[in-house]
Protein backbone atom coordinates (compact mmCIF):
# COMPACT_ATOMS: atom_id res chain seq x y z
CA MET A 1 117.41 89.38 114.92
CA ALA A 2 120.77 90.05 116.55
CA ARG A 3 122.25 90.98 113.17
CA ASP A 4 119.50 93.53 112.52
CA GLY A 5 119.63 94.78 116.11
CA GLU A 6 123.14 96.06 115.58
CA HIS A 7 122.36 98.80 113.08
CA ALA A 8 119.66 101.40 112.79
CA TRP A 9 116.89 101.38 110.21
CA ARG A 10 115.43 104.53 108.70
CA ARG A 11 112.85 105.48 106.11
CA THR A 12 114.29 105.80 102.62
CA THR A 13 114.63 109.41 101.48
CA GLY A 14 112.40 110.63 98.67
CA LEU A 15 109.27 108.78 99.77
CA CYS A 16 105.82 110.21 99.39
CA HIS A 17 103.65 108.81 102.16
CA ARG A 18 100.36 109.51 103.84
CA ARG A 19 98.63 107.90 106.78
CA SER A 20 95.10 106.76 106.02
CA GLY A 21 93.30 105.37 109.04
CA TRP A 22 95.33 102.41 110.32
CA ALA A 23 97.45 102.12 107.17
CA TYR A 24 100.16 104.01 105.32
CA VAL A 25 100.08 104.62 101.59
CA VAL A 26 103.66 104.94 100.32
CA LEU A 27 105.06 105.78 96.91
CA PRO A 28 108.79 105.07 96.76
CA ALA A 29 110.69 107.60 94.64
CA ASP A 30 111.77 105.04 92.03
CA HIS A 31 108.49 103.10 91.73
CA ASP A 32 105.26 103.65 89.82
CA GLN A 33 102.98 101.71 92.16
CA LEU A 34 101.66 102.62 95.57
CA LEU A 35 102.41 100.37 98.49
CA VAL A 36 99.81 100.02 101.24
CA LEU A 37 101.29 99.20 104.64
CA GLN A 38 99.06 97.66 107.27
CA ASP A 39 99.43 95.94 110.63
CA ALA A 40 103.04 95.39 111.73
CA ALA A 41 104.48 96.99 108.59
CA ALA A 42 102.52 100.19 109.23
CA GLU A 43 103.56 100.22 112.90
CA VAL A 44 107.24 99.75 112.03
CA PHE A 45 107.11 102.41 109.30
CA ASP A 46 105.41 104.79 111.72
CA SER A 47 108.07 104.12 114.37
CA LEU A 48 110.84 105.00 111.92
CA ASP A 49 110.17 108.73 112.03
CA GLU A 50 113.76 108.68 113.33
CA PRO A 51 116.39 105.93 112.90
CA ARG A 52 115.98 103.00 115.29
CA THR A 53 117.56 99.60 115.72
CA ALA A 54 115.50 96.43 115.50
CA ASP A 55 116.02 96.00 119.23
CA GLU A 56 114.60 99.47 119.90
CA LEU A 57 111.67 98.74 117.60
CA LEU A 58 111.03 95.45 119.37
CA VAL A 59 110.83 97.11 122.78
CA SER A 60 108.64 99.95 121.49
CA LEU A 61 106.22 97.69 119.62
CA SER A 62 106.02 95.26 122.53
CA GLU A 63 105.23 98.03 125.00
CA GLY A 64 102.73 99.66 122.64
CA SER A 65 100.86 96.44 121.96
CA GLY A 66 101.06 94.92 125.42
CA LEU A 67 102.45 91.71 123.89
CA ALA A 68 105.59 89.89 124.93
CA GLU A 69 108.70 90.51 122.85
CA ASP A 70 108.69 86.85 121.75
CA GLU A 71 105.20 87.36 120.30
CA VAL A 72 106.16 90.58 118.51
CA ARG A 73 109.56 89.45 117.16
CA PRO A 74 108.34 87.34 114.19
CA HIS A 75 106.00 90.11 113.04
CA LEU A 76 108.79 92.69 113.35
CA GLU A 77 111.24 90.53 111.42
CA ALA A 78 108.71 89.96 108.63
CA ALA A 79 107.85 93.68 108.50
CA LEU A 80 111.50 94.75 108.35
CA ALA A 81 112.20 92.26 105.56
CA MET A 82 109.15 93.35 103.56
CA LEU A 83 109.87 97.06 104.01
CA ALA A 84 113.54 96.64 103.06
CA ASP A 85 112.64 94.51 99.99
CA ALA A 86 110.12 97.16 98.94
CA GLY A 87 112.79 99.85 99.23
CA VAL A 88 110.95 101.99 101.79
CA ILE A 89 113.49 101.51 104.60
CA THR A 90 117.25 101.19 104.58
CA ALA A 91 120.07 100.75 107.06
CA ALA A 92 121.02 104.11 108.55
């Protein structure tokens, strides 16, 4: 994660999104299908109300969940990859 920890992530501009319970429903500007974010992906998306590095996200998610950073790291890495592939976050 060192590579991702060096730059900030942010939500992609032009998204329509709404929180629904424990999930986010997101419609990227250039897509026709909704994306439902749950679990780690929803937590990461929620944390990106302002740009943050992966390292900052790791600390925040670890503190918020009460889990060790080593337990959170694989979930964070998977969430960042999924969100970036889906086009809902980008490097700031």
